Protein backbone atom coordinates (compact mmCIF):
# COMPACT_ATOMS: atom_id res chain seq x y z
CA UNK A 1 -19.88 8.77 34.45
CA UNK A 2 -21.17 10.00 31.36
CA UNK A 3 -24.36 8.80 29.98
CA UNK A 4 -26.02 9.45 26.72
CA UNK A 5 -29.28 11.38 27.19
CA UNK A 6 -31.32 9.98 24.02
CA UNK A 7 -30.73 7.02 21.55
CA UNK A 8 -28.74 7.51 18.62
CA UNK A 9 -30.81 6.97 15.65
CA UNK A 10 -29.83 4.49 12.79
CA UNK A 11 -29.22 7.15 10.32
CA UNK A 12 -26.61 9.06 12.70
CA UNK A 13 -25.03 6.18 13.82
CA UNK A 14 -24.64 4.68 10.15
CA UNK A 15 -23.48 8.07 9.02
CA UNK A 16 -20.57 7.85 11.30
CA UNK A 17 -19.81 4.10 10.37
CA UNK A 18 -19.79 5.00 6.66
CA UNK A 19 -17.38 4.30 4.17
CA UNK A 20 -16.11 8.06 4.25
CA UNK A 21 -13.57 6.73 6.92
CA UNK A 22 -12.39 3.21 5.33
CA UNK A 23 -8.93 2.83 3.80
CA UNK A 24 -8.28 3.40 0.22
CA UNK A 25 -6.01 0.90 -1.71
CA UNK A 26 -2.83 1.91 -2.19
CA UNK A 27 -1.80 3.49 -5.66
CA UNK A 28 0.19 1.50 -7.78
CA UNK A 29 2.65 2.60 -10.42
CA UNK A 30 3.88 0.62 -13.41
CA UNK A 31 7.60 -0.10 -14.12
CA UNK A 32 8.77 1.76 -17.12
CA UNK A 33 11.15 -1.12 -17.69
CA UNK A 34 9.56 -4.38 -17.29
CA UNK A 35 5.68 -3.34 -17.00
CA UNK A 36 4.74 -4.77 -13.50
CA UNK A 37 2.97 -2.77 -11.06
CA UNK A 38 4.51 -1.69 -7.64
CA UNK A 39 4.14 0.97 -5.02
CA UNK A 40 5.29 4.29 -6.11
CA UNK A 41 8.92 5.46 -5.18
CA UNK A 42 10.26 2.05 -4.41
CA UNK A 43 12.48 -0.28 -6.40
CA UNK A 44 10.74 -2.70 -8.59
CA UNK A 45 10.73 -6.33 -7.17
CA UNK A 46 10.85 -7.79 -10.60
CA UNK A 47 13.96 -6.17 -12.26
CA UNK A 48 15.44 -3.98 -9.48
CA UNK A 49 14.63 -0.87 -11.20
CA UNK A 50 14.21 2.67 -10.06
CA UNK A 51 14.48 6.34 -11.57
CA UNK A 52 16.01 5.41 -14.73
CA UNK A 53 18.88 3.02 -13.61
CA UNK A 54 19.07 -0.63 -12.33
CA UNK A 55 19.72 -0.55 -8.34
CA UNK A 56 19.60 -4.05 -7.77
CA UNK A 57 20.98 -6.64 -10.13
CA UNK A 58 18.08 -9.26 -10.06
CA UNK A 59 20.13 -11.75 -12.34
CA UNK A 60 22.72 -12.74 -9.62
CA UNK A 61 21.46 -15.15 -7.11
CA UNK A 62 21.54 -13.82 -3.62
CA UNK A 63 23.93 -15.95 -1.30
CA UNK A 64 22.30 -17.12 2.14
CA UNK A 65 24.69 -16.04 5.04
CA UNK A 66 26.23 -18.88 6.74
CA UNK A 67 25.44 -19.09 10.32
């Protein structure tokens, strides 16, 4: 079984655990129609707008499927 020969110093250990490997917050794009922020290349959850046209009509209520 492999065993380390020497103690890893605090500086070397902390360098490895530094924030260079932490995840970044996702980029947000502003909707050109309503101005809310959402993920890029996604339909706006507020108005249903994407790439210059309305994809989802948000004015109509969605009916629940009958089971």
